[in-house]
Protein backbone atom coordinates (compact mmCIF):
# COMPACT_ATOMS: atom_id res chain seq x y z
CA MET A 1 -1.35 -31.70 -34.59
CA LYS A 2 -2.56 -34.55 -32.43
CA ASN A 3 -0.38 -33.41 -29.55
CA TRP A 4 -1.71 -29.84 -29.88
CA PHE A 5 -5.16 -31.01 -28.78
CA HIS A 6 -3.63 -32.01 -25.44
CA THR A 7 -1.90 -28.66 -24.80
CA ILE A 8 -3.06 -26.13 -22.25
CA THR A 9 -3.61 -23.61 -25.07
CA PHE A 10 -6.20 -25.77 -26.85
CA LYS A 11 -7.95 -26.66 -23.59
CA MET A 12 -8.21 -23.03 -22.52
CA ILE A 13 -9.49 -21.89 -25.93
CA SER A 14 -12.13 -24.63 -25.97
CA LEU A 15 -13.27 -23.96 -22.41
CA ILE A 16 -13.46 -20.17 -22.84
CA SER A 17 -15.27 -20.49 -26.19
CA VAL A 18 -17.95 -22.79 -24.76
CA LEU A 19 -18.34 -20.50 -21.78
CA ILE A 20 -18.78 -17.43 -24.01
CA ILE A 21 -21.39 -19.20 -26.15
CA PHE A 22 -23.35 -20.23 -23.06
CA ILE A 23 -23.18 -16.75 -21.55
CA CYS A 24 -24.21 -15.01 -24.80
CA GLY A 25 -27.12 -17.41 -25.36
CA THR A 26 -28.41 -17.01 -21.82
CA PHE A 27 -27.94 -13.26 -22.00
CA LEU A 28 -29.95 -12.91 -25.24
CA TYR A 29 -32.76 -15.10 -23.93
CA LEU A 30 -33.09 -13.06 -20.76
CA LEU A 31 -32.54 -9.79 -22.61
CA GLN A 32 -35.48 -10.41 -24.93
CA ASP A 33 -37.89 -10.80 -22.02
CA HIS A 34 -36.36 -7.84 -20.28
CA ILE A 35 -36.68 -5.57 -23.32
CA ARG A 36 -40.32 -6.63 -23.86
CA ASN A 37 -41.27 -6.05 -20.22
CA MET A 38 -39.39 -2.78 -20.04
CA THR A 39 -40.87 -1.47 -23.30
CA GLU A 40 -44.44 -2.46 -22.42
CA ASN A 41 -44.11 -0.95 -18.94
CA GLN A 42 -42.69 2.22 -20.41
CA MET A 43 -45.52 2.50 -22.95
CA ALA A 44 -48.12 1.74 -20.28
CA THR A 45 -46.73 4.41 -17.97
CA GLN A 46 -46.59 6.91 -20.79
CA ALA A 47 -50.17 6.13 -21.84
CA LEU A 48 -51.45 6.51 -18.28
CA ASN A 49 -49.59 9.80 -17.75
CA ILE A 50 -50.89 11.26 -21.01
CA ALA A 51 -54.43 10.15 -20.22
CA SER A 52 -54.19 11.80 -16.80
CA THR A 53 -52.95 15.02 -18.37
CA ILE A 54 -55.82 15.08 -20.90
CA ALA A 55 -58.37 14.27 -18.18
CA SER A 56 -57.27 17.35 -16.25
CA MET A 57 -57.64 19.75 -19.24
CA SER A 58 -60.47 22.21 -18.64
CA GLU A 59 -61.24 22.45 -22.38
CA ILE A 60 -62.05 18.75 -22.49
CA ILE A 61 -64.26 18.86 -19.38
CA GLU A 62 -66.18 21.98 -20.53
CA ALA A 63 -66.72 20.46 -23.96
CA PHE A 64 -69.02 17.84 -22.40
CA ASP A 65 -71.59 20.61 -21.76
CA SER A 66 -71.72 21.63 -25.41
CA GLU A 67 -74.22 20.32 -27.93
CA ASN A 68 -71.52 18.63 -30.02
CA PRO A 69 -68.53 17.79 -27.74
CA SER A 70 -66.58 16.06 -30.52
CA GLU A 71 -66.14 19.36 -32.42
CA VAL A 72 -64.02 20.64 -29.53
CA ILE A 73 -62.44 17.40 -28.34
CA GLN A 74 -61.42 15.82 -31.69
CA PRO A 75 -58.96 18.59 -32.77
CA ILE A 76 -57.32 18.63 -29.36
CA THR A 77 -56.82 14.85 -29.17
CA THR A 78 -55.65 14.63 -32.80
CA LYS A 79 -52.95 17.21 -32.18
CA ILE A 80 -51.78 15.50 -28.95
CA GLN A 81 -51.82 12.09 -30.64
CA GLN A 82 -49.53 13.30 -33.42
CA GLU A 83 -47.14 14.90 -30.96
CA ILE A 84 -46.72 11.84 -28.72
CA GLY A 85 -46.94 9.19 -31.41
CA ALA A 86 -49.79 7.28 -29.77
CA ALA A 87 -51.92 4.85 -31.78
CA PHE A 88 -55.14 6.45 -30.55
CA ILE A 89 -56.65 8.83 -28.04
CA VAL A 90 -60.33 8.06 -27.46
CA ILE A 91 -62.58 10.08 -25.17
CA GLY A 92 -66.06 8.79 -24.38
CA ASN A 93 -68.94 9.77 -22.18
CA LYS A 94 -70.34 7.84 -19.27
CA GLU A 95 -72.30 5.56 -21.63
CA GLY A 96 -69.16 4.73 -23.65
CA THR A 97 -70.03 6.84 -26.67
CA ARG A 98 -66.95 8.13 -28.47
CA TYR A 99 -66.31 11.89 -28.71
CA SER A 100 -62.90 11.41 -30.35
CA HIS A 101 -61.18 8.71 -32.42
CA PRO A 102 -58.21 8.55 -34.83
CA ILE A 103 -60.75 7.43 -37.48
CA PRO A 104 -63.34 10.25 -37.59
CA GLY A 105 -66.00 7.93 -38.97
CA LYS A 106 -66.06 5.98 -35.73
CA ILE A 107 -66.90 9.03 -33.62
CA GLY A 108 -70.30 8.54 -32.04
CA GLY A 109 -69.93 4.77 -31.87
CA GLN A 110 -69.43 2.68 -28.77
CA MET A 111 -65.99 2.12 -27.27
CA ILE A 112 -64.78 -1.48 -27.78
CA GLY A 113 -62.79 -3.60 -25.35
CA GLY A 114 -65.04 -4.00 -22.35
CA ASP A 115 -62.50 -2.51 -19.95
CA ASN A 116 -64.28 0.74 -19.01
CA GLU A 117 -66.23 -0.53 -16.03
CA ASP A 118 -63.62 0.19 -13.33
CA VAL A 119 -63.10 3.65 -14.75
CA LEU A 120 -66.74 4.71 -15.14
CA VAL A 121 -68.13 2.92 -12.10
CA ASN A 122 -65.30 2.96 -9.57
CA GLY A 123 -63.32 5.96 -10.84
CA LYS A 124 -60.02 4.03 -11.02
CA SER A 125 -57.08 4.87 -13.28
CA TYR A 126 -55.32 1.81 -14.66
CA VAL A 127 -53.54 0.17 -17.58
CA SER A 128 -55.06 -2.65 -19.62
CA LYS A 129 -54.03 -4.76 -22.56
CA THR A 130 -56.98 -5.70 -24.72
CA ARG A 131 -58.23 -5.77 -28.30
CA GLY A 132 -60.18 -2.81 -29.62
CA SER A 133 -61.31 -1.52 -32.99
CA LEU A 134 -57.71 -0.94 -34.10
CA GLY A 135 -56.37 -4.22 -32.76
CA LEU A 136 -54.52 -5.42 -29.64
CA SER A 137 -53.20 -2.45 -27.67
CA ILE A 138 -51.88 -1.28 -24.33
CA ARG A 139 -54.19 1.36 -22.93
CA GLY A 140 -54.02 3.89 -20.15
CA LYS A 141 -57.53 4.74 -18.90
CA VAL A 142 -58.39 7.68 -16.63
CA PRO A 143 -61.86 8.95 -15.58
CA LEU A 144 -63.10 12.43 -16.49
CA ILE A 145 -64.49 14.07 -13.34
CA LYS A 146 -66.52 17.23 -12.99
CA ASN A 147 -67.81 18.39 -9.63
CA ASN A 148 -66.82 15.03 -8.07
CA GLU A 149 -68.95 13.21 -10.65
CA ILE A 150 -67.62 10.86 -13.34
CA ILE A 151 -68.72 12.21 -16.72
CA GLY A 152 -66.53 10.19 -19.08
CA VAL A 153 -63.32 8.34 -19.77
CA VAL A 154 -59.99 9.09 -21.50
CA SER A 155 -58.26 6.16 -23.22
CA VAL A 156 -54.71 6.55 -24.63
CA GLY A 157 -53.27 3.51 -26.36
CA PHE A 158 -50.26 2.11 -28.20
CA LEU A 159 -50.81 -0.81 -30.59
CA ALA A 160 -49.11 -4.07 -29.60
CA LYS A 161 -47.85 -4.64 -33.14
CA ASN A 162 -46.06 -1.28 -33.06
CA ILE A 163 -44.53 -2.15 -29.70
CA ASP A 164 -43.41 -5.50 -31.17
CA HIS A 165 -41.66 -3.66 -33.98
CA MET A 166 -39.89 -1.46 -31.44
CA ILE A 167 -38.85 -4.52 -29.43
CA GLN A 168 -37.60 -6.31 -32.54
CA ASP A 169 -35.58 -3.30 -33.65
CA SER A 170 -34.03 -2.98 -30.19
CA PHE A 171 -33.40 -6.73 -29.98
CA LYS A 172 -31.74 -6.73 -33.41
CA ARG A 173 -29.30 -4.11 -32.21
CA TRP A 174 -28.54 -6.17 -29.11
CA LEU A 175 -28.20 -9.25 -31.29
CA MET A 176 -25.60 -7.44 -33.36
CA TYR A 177 -23.82 -6.35 -30.18
CA ALA A 178 -23.89 -9.93 -28.89
CA ALA A 179 -22.46 -11.23 -32.16
CA LEU A 180 -19.74 -8.61 -31.97
CA LEU A 181 -19.03 -9.48 -28.35
CA PHE A 182 -18.97 -13.15 -29.26
CA SER A 183 -16.38 -12.45 -31.97
CA PHE A 184 -14.30 -10.40 -29.55
CA GLY A 185 -14.73 -13.11 -26.91
CA ILE A 186 -13.42 -15.84 -29.21
CA ALA A 187 -10.52 -13.61 -30.24
CA GLY A 188 -9.91 -12.79 -26.58
CA ALA A 189 -9.89 -16.50 -25.77
CA PHE A 190 -7.03 -16.99 -28.20
CA LEU A 191 -5.16 -13.95 -26.86
CA ILE A 192 -5.64 -14.96 -23.21
CA SER A 193 -4.51 -18.51 -23.88
CA PHE A 194 -1.37 -17.38 -25.67
CA TYR A 195 -0.77 -14.69 -23.04
CA ILE A 196 -0.97 -17.21 -20.21
CA LYS A 197 1.28 -19.54 -22.14
CA ARG A 198 3.77 -16.70 -22.49
CA LEU A 199 3.52 -15.96 -18.75
CA LEU A 200 4.34 -19.60 -18.16
CA PHE A 201 7.38 -19.24 -20.44
CA ASN A 202 5.72 -21.51 -23.02
CA MET A 203 5.78 -24.37 -20.55
CA GLU A 204 3.18 -27.04 -19.96
CA PRO A 205 1.92 -27.95 -16.45
CA VAL A 206 4.26 -30.96 -16.29
CA GLN A 207 7.24 -28.73 -17.01
CA ILE A 208 6.07 -26.23 -14.39
CA ALA A 209 5.84 -29.01 -11.80
CA LYS A 210 9.43 -30.04 -12.52
CA LEU A 211 10.57 -26.43 -12.27
CA TYR A 212 8.83 -26.11 -8.91
CA GLU A 213 10.71 -29.16 -7.61
CA GLN A 214 14.01 -27.67 -8.75
CA HIS A 215 13.12 -24.37 -7.11
CA LYS A 216 12.35 -26.18 -3.85
CA ILE A 217 15.66 -28.08 -3.95
CA ILE A 218 17.61 -24.88 -4.60
CA LEU A 219 15.97 -23.14 -1.64
CA GLU A 220 16.69 -26.01 0.72
CA THR A 221 20.33 -26.40 -0.34
CA THR A 222 21.17 -22.68 -0.18
CA MET A 223 23.25 -21.81 2.88
CA GLU A 224 21.93 -18.26 2.94
CA GLY A 225 18.64 -17.71 4.76
CA ILE A 226 15.84 -16.69 2.38
CA LEU A 227 12.45 -15.24 3.36
CA ALA A 228 9.83 -13.96 0.92
CA VAL A 229 6.76 -12.00 2.01
CA GLY A 230 3.66 -10.90 0.12
CA PRO A 231 2.12 -7.40 -0.04
CA ASP A 232 0.48 -8.01 3.36
CA ARG A 233 3.96 -8.70 4.84
CA ASN A 234 3.09 -12.32 5.64
CA ILE A 235 5.72 -14.99 4.92
CA THR A 236 5.11 -16.86 1.67
CA THR A 237 8.48 -18.62 1.28
CA ILE A 238 11.07 -19.70 3.84
CA ASN A 239 14.01 -22.04 3.39
CA HIS A 240 15.64 -24.28 5.98
CA SER A 241 18.59 -21.93 6.60
CA ALA A 242 16.27 -19.03 7.45
CA TYR A 243 14.22 -21.35 9.67
CA GLU A 244 17.32 -22.27 11.71
CA MET A 245 18.18 -18.60 12.15
CA ILE A 246 14.75 -17.40 13.30
CA ASP A 247 13.93 -20.51 15.36
CA PRO A 248 17.19 -22.27 16.31
CA ASN A 249 15.49 -24.24 19.09
CA LYS A 250 12.75 -25.41 16.69
CA LYS A 251 9.93 -24.36 18.98
CA ALA A 252 7.54 -24.49 16.01
CA PRO A 253 7.74 -26.52 12.79
CA LEU A 254 8.80 -24.77 9.62
CA SER A 255 5.28 -24.98 8.16
CA LYS A 256 3.91 -22.94 11.08
CA TRP A 257 6.03 -19.96 10.03
CA MET A 258 4.24 -19.78 6.67
CA GLY A 259 1.74 -16.91 6.75
CA THR A 260 3.36 -15.33 9.83
CA ASP A 261 3.62 -11.55 9.90
CA ILE A 262 7.27 -10.57 9.34
CA GLN A 263 7.00 -8.09 12.24
CA HIS A 264 7.00 -11.11 14.58
CA ILE A 265 10.62 -11.66 13.49
CA PHE A 266 12.00 -8.19 12.70
CA THR A 267 11.12 -4.73 13.95
CA ARG A 268 8.31 -2.69 12.42
CA GLU A 269 10.84 -0.24 10.95
CA ILE A 270 12.55 -3.07 9.06
CA ALA A 271 9.21 -4.44 7.87
CA LEU A 272 8.14 -1.04 6.48
CA ARG A 273 11.40 -0.25 4.74
CA ASP A 274 11.62 -1.12 1.03
CA THR A 275 15.37 -1.74 0.73
CA ILE A 276 18.02 -2.77 3.28
CA ARG A 277 21.69 -3.35 2.58
CA ASN A 278 23.92 -5.31 4.97
CA LEU A 279 22.10 -4.34 8.15
CA GLU A 280 23.64 -5.92 11.24
CA ILE A 281 21.00 -7.03 13.75
CA SER A 282 20.67 -9.40 16.66
CA LEU A 283 18.28 -12.30 16.03
CA ASP A 284 17.57 -14.85 18.77
CA GLY A 285 21.03 -14.58 20.27
CA SER A 286 22.91 -14.45 16.96
CA ILE A 287 24.24 -11.54 14.95
CA ILE A 288 23.16 -11.71 11.32
CA ILE A 289 23.65 -9.58 8.24
CA LEU A 290 20.26 -8.71 6.76
CA ASN A 291 19.46 -7.60 3.23
CA LYS A 292 16.04 -6.74 1.86
CA ALA A 293 14.90 -6.01 -1.68
CA PRO A 294 11.44 -5.42 -3.18
CA LEU A 295 9.87 -8.08 -5.40
CA LEU A 296 8.60 -6.30 -8.49
CA GLU A 297 6.23 -7.40 -11.21
CA LYS A 298 5.88 -4.91 -14.06
CA ASN A 299 7.19 -2.10 -11.82
CA LYS A 300 4.61 -2.94 -9.15
CA GLN A 301 5.78 -4.23 -5.77
CA ILE A 302 4.22 -7.59 -4.95
CA GLY A 303 6.28 -8.34 -1.87
CA SER A 304 9.80 -8.32 -0.44
CA LEU A 305 12.75 -10.71 -0.30
CA TYR A 306 14.87 -11.01 2.85
CA THR A 307 18.27 -12.67 2.78
CA MET A 308 20.22 -13.42 5.98
CA ARG A 309 23.75 -14.55 6.72
CA ASN A 310 25.39 -15.42 10.01
CA LYS A 311 28.11 -13.02 11.03
CA THR A 312 31.30 -15.12 11.04
CA ASP A 313 34.14 -14.32 8.66
CA ILE A 314 32.02 -11.51 7.26
CA GLN A 315 32.16 -9.83 10.65
CA ARG A 316 35.94 -9.76 10.61
CA ILE A 317 36.04 -8.27 7.13
CA ALA A 318 33.31 -5.77 8.02
CA ASP A 319 35.25 -4.66 11.12
CA GLU A 320 38.40 -4.16 9.11
CA LEU A 321 36.53 -2.09 6.56
CA LYS A 322 34.83 -0.15 9.33
CA GLN A 323 38.18 0.61 10.97
CA ALA A 324 39.62 1.68 7.64
CA LYS A 325 36.65 3.97 7.13
CA GLN A 326 37.13 5.42 10.63
CA ARG A 327 40.77 6.15 9.86
CA ALA A 328 39.75 7.80 6.61
CA ASN A 329 37.15 9.91 8.43
CA MET A 330 39.76 10.78 11.05
CA GLN A 331 42.22 11.92 8.39
CA ARG A 332 39.50 13.93 6.62
CA ALA A 333 38.39 15.53 9.87
CA GLN A 334 41.95 16.29 10.89
CA THR A 335 42.67 17.85 7.50
CA HIS A 336 39.55 19.99 7.76
CA GLU A 337 40.33 20.96 11.35
CA TYR A 338 43.94 21.83 10.60
CA ALA A 339 42.85 23.89 7.59
CA ASN A 340 40.53 25.90 9.84
CA LYS A 341 43.29 26.43 12.36
CA LEU A 342 45.71 27.55 9.62
CA HIS A 343 43.12 30.11 8.49
CA ILE A 344 42.91 31.41 12.07
CA ILE A 345 46.69 31.67 12.29
CA LEU A 346 46.79 33.38 8.88
CA GLY A 347 44.20 35.92 10.01
CA LEU A 348 46.15 36.70 13.16
CA LEU A 349 49.36 37.17 11.13
CA VAL A 350 47.65 39.37 8.52
CA HIS A 351 46.43 41.64 11.30
CA LYS A 352 49.91 41.53 12.88
CA LYS A 353 48.66 39.75 16.00
CA TYR A 354 51.94 37.89 16.33
CA GLU A 355 51.76 37.25 20.05
CA GLU A 356 48.17 35.93 19.82
CA ALA A 357 49.19 33.65 16.95
CA ILE A 358 52.09 32.26 18.98
CA GLN A 359 49.86 31.64 21.99
CA TYR A 360 47.19 29.98 19.82
CA ILE A 361 49.76 27.65 18.25
CA LYS A 362 51.20 26.70 21.65
CA ARG A 363 47.75 26.06 23.12
CA GLU A 364 46.66 23.83 20.24
CA LYS A 365 49.98 21.99 20.24
CA ASN A 366 49.71 21.41 23.98
CA ILE A 367 46.11 20.05 23.72
CA GLN A 368 46.90 17.67 20.88
CA GLY A 369 50.15 16.67 22.50
CA GLN A 370 48.50 15.81 25.79
CA VAL A 371 45.90 13.56 24.14
CA LYS A 372 48.42 11.77 21.94
CA LYS A 373 50.91 11.41 24.78
CA MET A 374 48.24 9.98 27.07
CA LEU A 375 47.10 7.48 24.45
CA ASN A 376 50.56 6.49 23.30
CA SER A 377 51.91 6.04 26.81
CA ASN A 378 49.04 3.95 28.13
CA SER A 379 47.21 2.23 25.28
CA LYS A 380 48.40 -1.16 24.08
CA SER A 381 45.90 -1.16 21.21
CA PRO A 382 46.66 0.90 18.07
CA LEU A 383 43.10 0.35 16.89
CA LEU A 384 41.69 1.72 20.15
CA PHE A 385 44.00 4.74 19.82
CA ALA A 386 42.81 5.31 16.25
CA LEU A 387 39.15 5.05 17.26
CA ILE A 388 39.39 7.53 20.15
CA GLN A 389 41.59 9.95 18.21
CA GLY A 390 39.22 9.79 15.24
CA LYS A 391 36.16 10.45 17.41
CA ILE A 392 37.89 13.38 19.14
CA THR A 393 38.70 14.90 15.77
CA GLU A 394 35.20 14.23 14.43
CA ALA A 395 33.65 15.82 17.52
CA ALA A 396 35.89 18.87 17.21
CA GLU A 397 34.78 19.32 13.61
CA LEU A 398 31.16 19.44 14.85
CA GLY A 399 31.95 21.96 17.57
CA ILE A 400 31.84 19.32 20.33
CA SER A 401 34.44 19.15 23.08
CA MET A 402 35.48 15.53 23.70
CA GLU A 403 37.83 15.21 26.68
CA LEU A 404 39.97 12.23 27.61
CA LYS A 405 40.11 12.70 31.37
CA GLU A 406 42.02 9.57 32.32
CA CYS A 407 43.75 6.85 30.32
CA HIS A 408 45.28 4.01 32.35
CA LEU A 409 45.50 0.90 30.19
CA SER A 410 48.59 -1.23 30.43
CA SER A 411 46.98 -4.61 29.73
CA THR A 412 47.04 -6.08 26.25
CA LEU A 413 43.67 -7.08 24.88
CA ASN A 414 43.25 -10.25 22.85
CA ALA A 415 41.70 -10.12 19.39
CA LYS A 416 38.16 -10.97 20.52
CA GLN A 417 38.24 -8.48 23.41
CA GLU A 418 39.57 -5.77 21.13
CA GLU A 419 36.91 -6.50 18.52
CA ALA A 420 34.12 -6.37 21.11
CA LEU A 421 35.54 -3.19 22.68
CA LEU A 422 35.83 -1.37 19.34
CA THR A 423 32.22 -2.29 18.49
CA ALA A 424 30.83 -1.14 21.83
CA LEU A 425 32.99 1.96 22.28
CA GLY A 426 32.41 3.09 18.69
CA ASN A 427 28.62 2.82 19.10
CA VAL A 428 28.56 4.59 22.48
CA LEU A 429 30.80 7.45 21.31
CA GLN A 430 28.72 7.90 18.16
CA ASN A 431 25.54 7.97 20.26
CA ALA A 432 27.11 10.56 22.54
CA ILE A 433 28.05 12.76 19.56
CA GLU A 434 24.48 12.58 18.24
CA ALA A 435 23.10 13.30 21.71
CA VAL A 436 24.96 16.61 22.15
CA ARG A 437 25.02 17.63 18.51
CA GLY A 438 21.65 19.36 18.72
CA ILE A 439 22.57 21.56 21.71
CA LYS A 440 22.57 25.21 20.62
CA HIS A 441 25.40 26.57 22.79
CA SER A 442 28.79 25.12 21.88
CA SER A 443 30.05 25.61 25.44
CA LEU A 444 27.53 23.00 26.61
CA LYS A 445 28.55 20.36 24.05
CA LEU A 446 30.78 18.13 26.13
CA ILE A 447 31.74 14.43 26.11
CA GLN A 448 34.12 12.94 28.66
CA ILE A 449 36.02 9.67 28.38
CA SER A 450 37.97 7.97 31.12
CA ILE A 451 39.80 4.62 31.07
CA ASP A 452 40.72 2.97 34.36
CA GLU A 453 42.35 -0.37 35.02
CA TYR A 454 41.58 -2.33 38.17
CA LYS A 455 42.70 -5.66 39.55
CA ASP A 456 40.19 -7.81 37.74
CA ARG A 457 38.58 -5.50 35.18
CA ILE A 458 39.07 -2.62 32.79
CA LEU A 459 36.50 0.19 33.00
CA PHE A 460 35.61 2.65 30.25
CA GLU A 461 33.35 5.53 31.28
CA ILE A 462 31.68 7.70 28.62
CA GLN A 463 29.36 10.52 29.64
CA ASP A 464 27.83 13.42 27.73
CA SER A 465 25.96 16.66 28.36
CA GLY A 466 22.91 15.68 26.29
CA HIS A 467 19.34 15.13 27.43
CA GLY A 468 20.01 11.67 28.85
CA VAL A 469 17.76 8.60 28.76
CA SER A 470 14.15 8.68 29.94
CA GLU A 471 13.21 6.42 32.86
CA GLU A 472 10.78 4.35 30.81
CA LEU A 473 13.64 3.26 28.53
CA TYR A 474 16.01 2.23 31.33
CA ALA A 475 14.83 -1.37 31.52
CA THR A 476 14.73 -1.97 27.73
CA LEU A 477 17.50 0.30 26.46
CA PHE A 478 19.74 -2.59 25.39
CA ALA A 479 16.93 -4.56 23.73
CA ARG A 480 16.85 -4.78 19.95
CA GLY A 481 14.75 -2.04 18.33
CA VAL A 482 14.72 0.30 21.37
CA SER A 483 16.21 3.73 20.76
CA THR A 484 15.98 7.31 22.02
CA LYS A 485 16.25 8.55 18.42
CA GLU A 486 13.59 8.61 15.73
CA GLY A 487 13.93 7.08 12.27
CA MET A 488 14.54 3.78 10.54
CA ASP A 489 17.13 1.20 11.55
CA ARG A 490 17.41 2.44 15.13
CA GLY A 491 17.94 0.47 18.30
CA HIS A 492 20.56 -1.99 17.02
CA GLY A 493 23.89 -0.45 18.13
CA LEU A 494 23.53 -0.92 21.89
CA ALA A 495 21.98 -4.38 21.49
CA ILE A 496 24.90 -5.52 19.31
CA SER A 497 27.40 -3.89 21.68
CA LYS A 498 25.95 -5.70 24.68
CA GLN A 499 25.99 -9.03 22.87
CA ALA A 500 29.58 -8.52 21.67
CA LEU A 501 30.80 -7.66 25.17
CA GLN A 502 28.95 -10.54 26.81
CA SER A 503 30.61 -12.94 24.34
CA VAL A 504 34.00 -12.06 25.92
CA GLY A 505 32.72 -11.87 29.51
CA GLY A 506 32.25 -8.11 29.51
CA GLU A 507 29.24 -5.88 30.13
CA ILE A 508 27.79 -2.47 29.28
CA LEU A 509 25.74 -0.53 31.82
CA LEU A 510 23.92 2.76 32.14
CA ASP A 511 24.96 4.76 35.22
CA GLU A 512 24.66 8.26 36.67
CA GLY A 513 27.53 10.58 35.86
CA ASP A 514 28.69 14.08 36.62
CA LEU A 515 27.28 15.49 33.37
CA PRO A 516 23.51 15.89 32.84
CA GLY A 517 23.33 13.43 29.96
CA ALA A 518 23.86 9.68 29.73
CA CYS A 519 26.75 7.86 31.36
CA PHE A 520 27.74 4.44 29.95
CA LEU A 521 30.13 2.02 31.60
CA ILE A 522 31.94 -0.55 29.45
CA ILE A 523 33.53 -3.31 31.53
CA LEU A 524 36.08 -5.86 30.27
CA PRO A 525 37.64 -8.62 32.37
CA ARG A 526 41.44 -8.67 32.72
């Protein structure tokens, strides 16, 4: 039990309880004055309004000309007094003689209180608090005027003792509410303390401090780059591995990156996207694999977590998987294409168009044979053959004509050159397919590939019949995040291709071709 008094639970319960007691006490003290002032002001306003209404009644004013005004005035004031619940309604003449009073025996006597002067002399309407024949009261006094002459006074009052009873009744209710709130507050203090303790996994501050140190050590010893951002996309956590990736030259200390907008590191599209899986991007001269996941708390996103890895052995595995996927797509496309062609042949045979069927078969065999013969006779790279053949088949499936105009490649590429070439050529061909895919007329969907070998370089030329590249993008086309297409995760393919080719001494350029669309030149040294 002694140790319990030193726990965070006991301290929070004690602090919250004292705070609630102080707030409730201060609230009741101020509330009492507020209720009194509000009630008295309300009664005073009501008294003054009623007195003004009575003073404007023609029956009251005309009664002053009668021999016995009280016979007319007393019934009227008695009825109004009962309806509004006032303590008294007294009407007197200019000399202060009463024409009405809640006690009929006092009619004809002088009005008591000494507060009629401003009304009868100056014609003012006002509220006073003074003691009369019935006791201390709040009065609303209004002059009676006939033909611009003051002829009397109307006094409507509420007894102070009755107002005190009203205030006490109201205050008692608020006192009960305060007691109820106090009980709920104490109960809430217990619930909040235990809730916070549960949020802290039943740990004390000392234990939390130790956990924080362990968390810090884990972050610093993890080889994978870790970045955490809050809901405003500013960095809240960054480990040393991530710091070396985003600032390899250490232009700014690690602490300076805290609070930095993540868009200063990645593109806006990446910053806005909730989830990213194995996105390959170029970051400060290095190719990294980026993953992003939302940080959730009770199904509400409170930030995002970025993890980054340098592309080393992962790149080799990813390329192998990519090539396997390309082969699978090639086989699927070929199967689909051949099935379509078999249906055409079947239709020609059903309609007994034997000669047309024979010519169609010969033409298709000649086209496929020429492409395969050209690739097999010149290409020293089976992977390059598979890539080009797969893209030709994929394009044909989409109604796009992809022509291999020339193929002169007798040199053998090393592993790094082949890897860079496959990355660049795959991206450019895919971009070309997407560029002409939207053209309505199939006769205008054309992509041309030519491979030429020179003394000191190998040149790949890829041109399409799309809409080309606008002049404002020429200078920045190969920069990360720049793209002619809309959508997320755009503008990485050409940047990665350029970096891959430059790593083996090659280059990728944008040139003018014979077709109206873009013309890319991929250059590799021999």
